[in-house]
N, C-alpha and C. Protein backbone atom coordinates (compact mmCIF):
# COMPACT_ATOMS: atom_id res chain seq x y z
N MET A 1 -23.54 3.24 -5.76
CA MET A 1 -22.80 2.00 -5.97
C MET A 1 -22.18 1.55 -4.64
N ALA A 2 -22.42 0.33 -4.27
CA ALA A 2 -21.86 -0.24 -3.05
C ALA A 2 -20.39 -0.57 -3.27
N LEU A 3 -19.59 -0.30 -2.26
CA LEU A 3 -18.16 -0.61 -2.33
C LEU A 3 -17.94 -2.08 -1.96
N PRO A 4 -16.95 -2.73 -2.58
CA PRO A 4 -16.62 -4.09 -2.16
C PRO A 4 -15.99 -4.07 -0.76
N PRO A 5 -15.85 -5.20 -0.11
CA PRO A 5 -15.36 -5.22 1.26
C PRO A 5 -13.85 -4.99 1.41
N ILE A 6 -13.09 -5.10 0.32
CA ILE A 6 -11.63 -5.00 0.38
C ILE A 6 -11.15 -3.82 -0.45
N LEU A 7 -10.20 -3.07 0.11
CA LEU A 7 -9.52 -2.00 -0.63
C LEU A 7 -8.03 -2.31 -0.68
N ASP A 8 -7.50 -2.37 -1.88
CA ASP A 8 -6.04 -2.39 -2.06
C ASP A 8 -5.68 -0.97 -2.44
N MET A 9 -5.17 -0.22 -1.48
CA MET A 9 -4.95 1.22 -1.69
C MET A 9 -3.66 1.54 -2.43
N THR A 10 -2.85 0.52 -2.72
CA THR A 10 -1.60 0.70 -3.46
C THR A 10 -1.42 -0.49 -4.38
N SER A 11 -2.36 -0.70 -5.26
CA SER A 11 -2.42 -1.96 -6.01
C SER A 11 -1.31 -2.16 -7.03
N GLY A 12 -0.77 -1.08 -7.58
CA GLY A 12 0.28 -1.26 -8.59
C GLY A 12 -0.17 -2.25 -9.64
N SER A 13 0.68 -3.22 -9.93
CA SER A 13 0.33 -4.23 -10.94
C SER A 13 -0.29 -5.48 -10.33
N ARG A 14 -0.76 -5.37 -9.09
CA ARG A 14 -1.50 -6.45 -8.40
C ARG A 14 -0.67 -7.72 -8.26
N MET A 15 0.62 -7.57 -8.10
CA MET A 15 1.52 -8.72 -8.07
C MET A 15 1.22 -9.72 -6.96
N MET A 16 0.73 -9.26 -5.81
CA MET A 16 0.53 -10.19 -4.69
C MET A 16 -0.80 -10.95 -4.79
N TRP A 17 -1.66 -10.55 -5.70
CA TRP A 17 -2.99 -11.14 -5.80
C TRP A 17 -2.98 -12.41 -6.64
N PHE A 18 -3.59 -13.48 -6.13
CA PHE A 18 -3.76 -14.70 -6.92
C PHE A 18 -4.78 -14.45 -8.02
N ASP A 19 -5.86 -13.75 -7.69
CA ASP A 19 -6.88 -13.37 -8.67
C ASP A 19 -6.77 -11.86 -8.86
N LYS A 20 -6.13 -11.44 -9.93
CA LYS A 20 -5.88 -10.02 -10.17
C LYS A 20 -7.14 -9.23 -10.51
N ASP A 21 -8.26 -9.93 -10.69
CA ASP A 21 -9.55 -9.30 -10.94
C ASP A 21 -10.56 -9.68 -9.87
N ASN A 22 -10.09 -9.90 -8.66
CA ASN A 22 -10.96 -10.33 -7.57
C ASN A 22 -12.12 -9.36 -7.40
N PRO A 23 -13.35 -9.83 -7.54
CA PRO A 23 -14.50 -8.92 -7.47
C PRO A 23 -14.80 -8.40 -6.06
N THR A 24 -14.17 -8.97 -5.04
CA THR A 24 -14.40 -8.49 -3.68
C THR A 24 -13.44 -7.36 -3.30
N ALA A 25 -12.57 -6.99 -4.24
CA ALA A 25 -11.57 -5.95 -3.97
C ALA A 25 -11.73 -4.77 -4.91
N LEU A 26 -11.43 -3.60 -4.37
CA LEU A 26 -11.34 -2.37 -5.16
C LEU A 26 -9.85 -2.04 -5.23
N PHE A 27 -9.32 -1.98 -6.44
CA PHE A 27 -7.90 -1.73 -6.65
C PHE A 27 -7.69 -0.25 -6.95
N SER A 28 -6.87 0.40 -6.13
CA SER A 28 -6.61 1.82 -6.36
C SER A 28 -5.10 2.05 -6.41
N ASP A 29 -4.74 3.07 -7.15
CA ASP A 29 -3.34 3.50 -7.27
C ASP A 29 -3.36 4.94 -7.77
N LYS A 30 -2.25 5.63 -7.60
CA LYS A 30 -2.21 7.03 -8.04
C LYS A 30 -1.80 7.16 -9.51
N ARG A 31 -1.55 6.05 -10.15
CA ARG A 31 -1.11 6.10 -11.55
C ARG A 31 -1.75 4.99 -12.36
N GLN A 32 -1.75 5.20 -13.65
CA GLN A 32 -2.20 4.18 -14.60
C GLN A 32 -1.18 4.19 -15.71
N MET A 33 -0.60 3.02 -16.01
CA MET A 33 0.42 2.97 -17.05
C MET A 33 0.64 1.55 -17.53
N PHE A 34 1.10 1.46 -18.77
CA PHE A 34 1.53 0.19 -19.33
C PHE A 34 2.80 0.47 -20.11
N GLU A 35 3.83 -0.30 -19.81
CA GLU A 35 5.09 -0.11 -20.52
C GLU A 35 5.86 -1.43 -20.55
N GLU A 36 6.33 -1.79 -21.73
CA GLU A 36 7.23 -2.92 -21.88
C GLU A 36 8.63 -2.35 -21.97
N LEU A 37 9.47 -2.71 -21.02
CA LEU A 37 10.82 -2.17 -20.95
C LEU A 37 11.79 -3.03 -21.76
N PRO A 38 12.88 -2.43 -22.24
CA PRO A 38 13.87 -3.19 -23.00
C PRO A 38 14.43 -4.39 -22.23
N SER A 39 14.40 -4.31 -20.91
CA SER A 39 14.90 -5.40 -20.06
C SER A 39 13.98 -6.62 -20.08
N GLY A 40 12.78 -6.46 -20.65
CA GLY A 40 11.80 -7.54 -20.65
C GLY A 40 10.75 -7.38 -19.56
N HIS A 41 10.98 -6.48 -18.62
CA HIS A 41 10.00 -6.21 -17.57
C HIS A 41 8.77 -5.51 -18.17
N VAL A 42 7.62 -5.85 -17.65
CA VAL A 42 6.38 -5.21 -18.07
C VAL A 42 5.78 -4.50 -16.85
N ILE A 43 5.49 -3.24 -17.03
CA ILE A 43 4.83 -2.46 -15.99
C ILE A 43 3.39 -2.27 -16.44
N ASP A 44 2.45 -2.86 -15.71
CA ASP A 44 1.04 -2.77 -16.06
C ASP A 44 0.26 -2.38 -14.81
N VAL A 45 -0.01 -1.11 -14.68
CA VAL A 45 -0.75 -0.57 -13.54
C VAL A 45 -2.09 -0.08 -14.07
N ALA A 46 -3.15 -0.80 -13.69
CA ALA A 46 -4.50 -0.48 -14.19
C ALA A 46 -5.49 -0.54 -13.03
N PRO A 47 -5.50 0.50 -12.19
CA PRO A 47 -6.40 0.48 -11.03
C PRO A 47 -7.86 0.69 -11.43
N ASP A 48 -8.76 0.23 -10.57
CA ASP A 48 -10.18 0.52 -10.73
C ASP A 48 -10.45 2.00 -10.48
N VAL A 49 -9.70 2.56 -9.51
CA VAL A 49 -9.85 3.95 -9.12
C VAL A 49 -8.46 4.58 -9.04
N ILE A 50 -8.30 5.71 -9.71
CA ILE A 50 -7.04 6.44 -9.61
C ILE A 50 -7.17 7.44 -8.48
N THR A 51 -6.39 7.24 -7.44
CA THR A 51 -6.42 8.12 -6.28
C THR A 51 -5.10 8.01 -5.54
N ASP A 52 -4.66 9.10 -4.96
CA ASP A 52 -3.40 9.16 -4.23
C ASP A 52 -3.70 9.16 -2.74
N TRP A 53 -3.42 8.07 -2.07
CA TRP A 53 -3.72 7.95 -0.64
C TRP A 53 -3.03 9.02 0.19
N SER A 54 -1.90 9.54 -0.30
CA SER A 54 -1.20 10.57 0.46
C SER A 54 -1.94 11.91 0.44
N GLU A 55 -2.93 12.02 -0.43
CA GLU A 55 -3.76 13.23 -0.48
C GLU A 55 -5.17 12.97 0.05
N GLY A 56 -5.37 11.80 0.61
CA GLY A 56 -6.68 11.44 1.16
C GLY A 56 -7.45 10.56 0.19
N LEU A 57 -7.99 9.49 0.70
CA LEU A 57 -8.78 8.58 -0.13
C LEU A 57 -10.21 9.11 -0.28
N PRO A 58 -10.82 8.91 -1.45
CA PRO A 58 -12.16 9.46 -1.69
C PRO A 58 -13.30 8.55 -1.22
N PHE A 59 -13.08 7.87 -0.11
CA PHE A 59 -14.07 6.94 0.41
C PHE A 59 -14.53 7.40 1.80
N PRO A 60 -15.79 7.12 2.14
CA PRO A 60 -16.28 7.50 3.47
C PRO A 60 -15.54 6.73 4.58
N ASP A 61 -15.60 7.28 5.77
CA ASP A 61 -15.07 6.59 6.95
C ASP A 61 -15.73 5.22 7.06
N GLU A 62 -14.97 4.26 7.55
CA GLU A 62 -15.46 2.92 7.83
C GLU A 62 -16.16 2.27 6.64
N SER A 63 -15.48 2.27 5.49
CA SER A 63 -16.05 1.70 4.27
C SER A 63 -15.65 0.25 4.01
N PHE A 64 -14.52 -0.21 4.56
CA PHE A 64 -13.96 -1.51 4.16
C PHE A 64 -13.68 -2.40 5.38
N HIS A 65 -13.81 -3.70 5.16
CA HIS A 65 -13.48 -4.68 6.19
C HIS A 65 -11.98 -4.99 6.20
N LEU A 66 -11.36 -4.90 5.04
CA LEU A 66 -9.93 -5.24 4.88
C LEU A 66 -9.29 -4.20 3.98
N VAL A 67 -8.14 -3.70 4.39
CA VAL A 67 -7.35 -2.78 3.56
C VAL A 67 -5.96 -3.38 3.40
N VAL A 68 -5.47 -3.37 2.17
CA VAL A 68 -4.12 -3.82 1.85
C VAL A 68 -3.29 -2.58 1.56
N PHE A 69 -2.13 -2.47 2.21
CA PHE A 69 -1.26 -1.30 2.07
C PHE A 69 0.15 -1.78 1.80
N ASP A 70 0.58 -1.62 0.57
CA ASP A 70 1.92 -2.01 0.11
C ASP A 70 2.56 -0.78 -0.55
N PRO A 71 2.98 0.19 0.28
CA PRO A 71 3.49 1.45 -0.29
C PRO A 71 4.88 1.28 -0.88
N PRO A 72 5.33 2.26 -1.66
CA PRO A 72 6.72 2.23 -2.10
C PRO A 72 7.64 2.13 -0.88
N HIS A 73 8.73 1.42 -1.04
CA HIS A 73 9.67 1.26 0.07
C HIS A 73 11.07 1.76 -0.27
N LEU A 74 11.25 2.21 -1.50
CA LEU A 74 12.56 2.69 -1.94
C LEU A 74 12.69 4.19 -1.74
N ILE A 75 13.86 4.63 -1.28
CA ILE A 75 14.17 6.05 -1.25
C ILE A 75 15.33 6.36 -2.20
N HIS A 76 15.98 5.30 -2.67
CA HIS A 76 17.07 5.45 -3.64
C HIS A 76 16.81 4.52 -4.81
N ALA A 77 16.44 5.08 -5.93
CA ALA A 77 16.24 4.31 -7.17
C ALA A 77 16.37 5.29 -8.32
N GLY A 78 16.94 4.86 -9.40
CA GLY A 78 17.07 5.73 -10.56
C GLY A 78 15.71 6.21 -11.02
N GLU A 79 15.62 7.47 -11.37
CA GLU A 79 14.34 8.08 -11.74
C GLU A 79 13.62 7.31 -12.85
N HIS A 80 14.39 6.75 -13.78
CA HIS A 80 13.79 6.04 -14.91
C HIS A 80 14.03 4.52 -14.83
N SER A 81 14.46 4.05 -13.67
CA SER A 81 14.73 2.62 -13.51
C SER A 81 13.42 1.83 -13.48
N TRP A 82 13.50 0.55 -13.83
CA TRP A 82 12.29 -0.27 -13.80
C TRP A 82 11.79 -0.43 -12.37
N LEU A 83 12.69 -0.43 -11.38
CA LEU A 83 12.26 -0.52 -9.99
C LEU A 83 11.40 0.69 -9.59
N ALA A 84 11.85 1.88 -9.98
CA ALA A 84 11.09 3.10 -9.67
C ALA A 84 9.74 3.08 -10.39
N LYS A 85 9.73 2.63 -11.64
CA LYS A 85 8.48 2.58 -12.40
C LYS A 85 7.52 1.54 -11.83
N LYS A 86 8.04 0.42 -11.41
CA LYS A 86 7.19 -0.67 -10.93
C LYS A 86 6.67 -0.42 -9.51
N TYR A 87 7.56 0.06 -8.63
CA TYR A 87 7.20 0.17 -7.22
C TYR A 87 7.02 1.59 -6.71
N GLY A 88 7.51 2.57 -7.42
CA GLY A 88 7.46 3.94 -6.94
C GLY A 88 8.62 4.21 -5.98
N VAL A 89 8.79 5.47 -5.63
CA VAL A 89 9.89 5.89 -4.76
C VAL A 89 9.35 6.87 -3.73
N LEU A 90 9.82 6.75 -2.51
CA LEU A 90 9.48 7.69 -1.45
C LEU A 90 10.54 8.78 -1.37
N ASP A 91 10.14 9.95 -0.95
CA ASP A 91 11.08 11.03 -0.73
C ASP A 91 11.93 10.70 0.50
N GLU A 92 13.23 10.92 0.38
CA GLU A 92 14.17 10.55 1.43
C GLU A 92 13.92 11.29 2.75
N VAL A 93 13.40 12.50 2.67
CA VAL A 93 13.18 13.31 3.87
C VAL A 93 11.76 13.14 4.41
N SER A 94 10.77 13.17 3.53
CA SER A 94 9.37 13.19 4.01
C SER A 94 8.73 11.81 4.11
N TRP A 95 9.45 10.74 3.83
CA TRP A 95 8.83 9.42 3.85
C TRP A 95 8.10 9.09 5.15
N PRO A 96 8.63 9.48 6.34
CA PRO A 96 7.87 9.13 7.56
C PRO A 96 6.48 9.74 7.60
N PHE A 97 6.36 10.98 7.14
CA PHE A 97 5.06 11.66 7.14
C PHE A 97 4.12 11.02 6.12
N ILE A 98 4.66 10.66 4.97
CA ILE A 98 3.85 10.05 3.91
C ILE A 98 3.32 8.70 4.36
N ILE A 99 4.19 7.88 4.96
CA ILE A 99 3.76 6.56 5.44
C ILE A 99 2.75 6.71 6.58
N ARG A 100 2.99 7.63 7.48
CA ARG A 100 2.04 7.87 8.59
C ARG A 100 0.68 8.29 8.04
N ASP A 101 0.69 9.17 7.04
CA ASP A 101 -0.58 9.58 6.41
C ASP A 101 -1.28 8.38 5.78
N GLY A 102 -0.51 7.48 5.17
CA GLY A 102 -1.10 6.29 4.58
C GLY A 102 -1.77 5.40 5.61
N PHE A 103 -1.10 5.20 6.74
CA PHE A 103 -1.70 4.41 7.82
C PHE A 103 -2.96 5.09 8.35
N ASP A 104 -2.90 6.40 8.52
CA ASP A 104 -4.07 7.13 9.02
C ASP A 104 -5.26 6.98 8.06
N GLU A 105 -4.99 7.07 6.76
CA GLU A 105 -6.07 6.92 5.78
C GLU A 105 -6.61 5.49 5.78
N ALA A 106 -5.72 4.51 5.86
CA ALA A 106 -6.16 3.12 5.90
C ALA A 106 -7.06 2.88 7.11
N MET A 107 -6.66 3.39 8.27
CA MET A 107 -7.47 3.21 9.47
C MET A 107 -8.79 3.98 9.39
N ARG A 108 -8.76 5.12 8.75
CA ARG A 108 -10.00 5.91 8.60
C ARG A 108 -11.04 5.16 7.80
N VAL A 109 -10.63 4.52 6.70
CA VAL A 109 -11.61 3.85 5.83
C VAL A 109 -11.93 2.43 6.29
N LEU A 110 -11.19 1.92 7.28
CA LEU A 110 -11.51 0.60 7.83
C LEU A 110 -12.70 0.68 8.78
N LYS A 111 -13.52 -0.35 8.73
CA LYS A 111 -14.59 -0.48 9.71
C LYS A 111 -13.97 -0.81 11.07
N SER A 112 -14.70 -0.57 12.15
CA SER A 112 -14.21 -0.97 13.47
C SER A 112 -13.91 -2.46 13.47
N PHE A 113 -12.78 -2.80 14.02
CA PHE A 113 -12.26 -4.16 14.07
C PHE A 113 -11.93 -4.72 12.69
N GLY A 114 -11.78 -3.82 11.70
CA GLY A 114 -11.32 -4.21 10.38
C GLY A 114 -9.83 -4.50 10.40
N THR A 115 -9.35 -5.16 9.36
CA THR A 115 -7.98 -5.62 9.29
C THR A 115 -7.19 -4.86 8.23
N LEU A 116 -5.99 -4.47 8.61
CA LEU A 116 -5.04 -3.85 7.69
C LEU A 116 -3.87 -4.81 7.50
N VAL A 117 -3.62 -5.19 6.25
CA VAL A 117 -2.46 -6.00 5.91
C VAL A 117 -1.44 -5.07 5.27
N PHE A 118 -0.26 -5.03 5.87
CA PHE A 118 0.80 -4.11 5.45
C PHE A 118 2.01 -4.91 4.99
N LYS A 119 2.51 -4.57 3.81
CA LYS A 119 3.68 -5.23 3.25
C LYS A 119 4.82 -4.22 3.17
N TRP A 120 6.00 -4.61 3.63
CA TRP A 120 7.13 -3.70 3.65
C TRP A 120 8.42 -4.45 3.35
N ASN A 121 9.23 -3.89 2.46
CA ASN A 121 10.55 -4.43 2.18
C ASN A 121 11.57 -3.50 2.84
N ASP A 122 12.41 -4.05 3.70
CA ASP A 122 13.33 -3.19 4.46
C ASP A 122 14.72 -3.10 3.85
N SER A 123 14.80 -3.18 2.53
CA SER A 123 16.11 -3.08 1.88
C SER A 123 16.74 -1.69 2.03
N GLN A 124 15.94 -0.64 2.21
CA GLN A 124 16.48 0.71 2.35
C GLN A 124 16.03 1.40 3.64
N ILE A 125 14.86 1.10 4.13
CA ILE A 125 14.38 1.65 5.40
C ILE A 125 14.03 0.46 6.29
N PRO A 126 14.77 0.28 7.39
CA PRO A 126 14.50 -0.86 8.27
C PRO A 126 13.09 -0.78 8.87
N LEU A 127 12.47 -1.95 9.03
CA LEU A 127 11.12 -2.00 9.58
C LEU A 127 11.04 -1.36 10.95
N ASN A 128 12.02 -1.60 11.82
CA ASN A 128 11.94 -1.02 13.17
C ASN A 128 11.96 0.50 13.11
N GLU A 129 12.65 1.09 12.13
CA GLU A 129 12.63 2.55 11.97
C GLU A 129 11.25 3.01 11.52
N LEU A 130 10.65 2.29 10.58
CA LEU A 130 9.31 2.64 10.11
C LEU A 130 8.30 2.55 11.26
N LEU A 131 8.37 1.50 12.06
CA LEU A 131 7.40 1.31 13.14
C LEU A 131 7.48 2.41 14.20
N THR A 132 8.63 3.04 14.36
CA THR A 132 8.73 4.15 15.31
C THR A 132 8.04 5.40 14.78
N GLU A 133 7.74 5.44 13.48
CA GLU A 133 7.13 6.61 12.85
C GLU A 133 5.61 6.54 12.78
N ILE A 134 5.03 5.41 13.13
CA ILE A 134 3.57 5.28 13.05
C ILE A 134 3.00 5.00 14.44
N PRO A 135 1.78 5.46 14.71
CA PRO A 135 1.19 5.26 16.04
C PRO A 135 0.39 3.96 16.18
N TYR A 136 0.62 3.01 15.28
CA TYR A 136 -0.13 1.76 15.31
C TYR A 136 0.81 0.60 15.59
N LYS A 137 0.32 -0.40 16.30
CA LYS A 137 1.13 -1.57 16.66
C LYS A 137 0.58 -2.79 15.93
N PRO A 138 1.46 -3.53 15.25
CA PRO A 138 0.98 -4.74 14.57
C PRO A 138 0.57 -5.82 15.57
N LEU A 139 -0.40 -6.62 15.15
CA LEU A 139 -0.80 -7.78 15.96
C LEU A 139 0.21 -8.91 15.80
N PHE A 140 0.59 -9.16 14.56
CA PHE A 140 1.56 -10.20 14.26
C PHE A 140 2.08 -9.98 12.86
N GLY A 141 3.09 -10.75 12.48
CA GLY A 141 3.65 -10.60 11.15
C GLY A 141 4.59 -11.73 10.80
N GLN A 142 5.12 -11.64 9.62
CA GLN A 142 6.02 -12.66 9.09
C GLN A 142 7.07 -11.98 8.25
N LYS A 143 8.29 -12.46 8.34
CA LYS A 143 9.37 -11.92 7.51
C LYS A 143 9.93 -13.04 6.66
N ARG A 144 10.13 -12.72 5.38
CA ARG A 144 10.79 -13.64 4.46
C ARG A 144 11.83 -12.83 3.72
N GLU A 145 13.08 -13.15 3.97
CA GLU A 145 14.20 -12.38 3.46
C GLU A 145 14.05 -10.93 3.91
N LYS A 146 13.84 -9.99 3.02
CA LYS A 146 13.72 -8.59 3.42
C LYS A 146 12.28 -8.09 3.44
N THR A 147 11.33 -8.94 3.10
CA THR A 147 9.93 -8.52 3.01
C THR A 147 9.17 -8.94 4.26
N HIS A 148 8.48 -7.98 4.84
CA HIS A 148 7.67 -8.19 6.04
C HIS A 148 6.20 -8.10 5.68
N TRP A 149 5.39 -8.94 6.28
CA TRP A 149 3.94 -8.88 6.20
C TRP A 149 3.45 -8.67 7.63
N LEU A 150 2.76 -7.58 7.86
CA LEU A 150 2.25 -7.26 9.19
C LEU A 150 0.74 -7.11 9.15
N VAL A 151 0.09 -7.50 10.22
CA VAL A 151 -1.35 -7.41 10.32
C VAL A 151 -1.70 -6.50 11.49
N PHE A 152 -2.56 -5.53 11.21
CA PHE A 152 -3.05 -4.57 12.18
C PHE A 152 -4.57 -4.70 12.25
N MET A 153 -5.15 -4.29 13.37
CA MET A 153 -6.60 -4.24 13.48
C MET A 153 -7.00 -2.86 13.97
N LYS A 154 -8.04 -2.33 13.35
CA LYS A 154 -8.58 -1.06 13.82
C LYS A 154 -9.45 -1.33 15.03
N MET A 155 -9.02 -0.84 16.14
CA MET A 155 -9.82 -1.02 17.35
C MET A 155 -10.97 -0.02 17.35
N GLU A 156 -11.98 -0.31 18.08
CA GLU A 156 -13.20 0.51 18.07
C GLU A 156 -12.90 1.98 18.36
N GLU A 157 -11.95 2.25 19.26
CA GLU A 157 -11.68 3.64 19.63
C GLU A 157 -10.75 4.35 18.67
N ASP A 158 -10.16 3.67 17.68
CA ASP A 158 -9.26 4.34 16.71
C ASP A 158 -9.98 5.38 15.89
């Protein structure tokens, strides 16, 4: 089976996608769940592939032209809170290693000169702190309130 050109390696409930069933994308996440919360929030995580990027993605090197990486950004959230259920939570101590591993996996599965789109909310971990933990430099980005969108490119020698 041929892989589509796009990998969303942290798809969650596909909130950022205009077409949540885009046929050019493979949606992956480490969980699958559906829950209607008393607050009215709905958690609907239904990936095409269940895989945990922090343990290595099950795709060959240089498989995708575009990778989307929107990892959990919270280190403090109630274990059963809707925020934790919807977005996930990073470990307060090991988050730099986990995020670095995610970038390494994204770059591994990207084709040479492929594009990585990274989304980060700096409500608990500032973006400049995160960027000191990864060996990749963004080409450009945009910030809206606390959410950053950064674009990286895998150079041929990566």
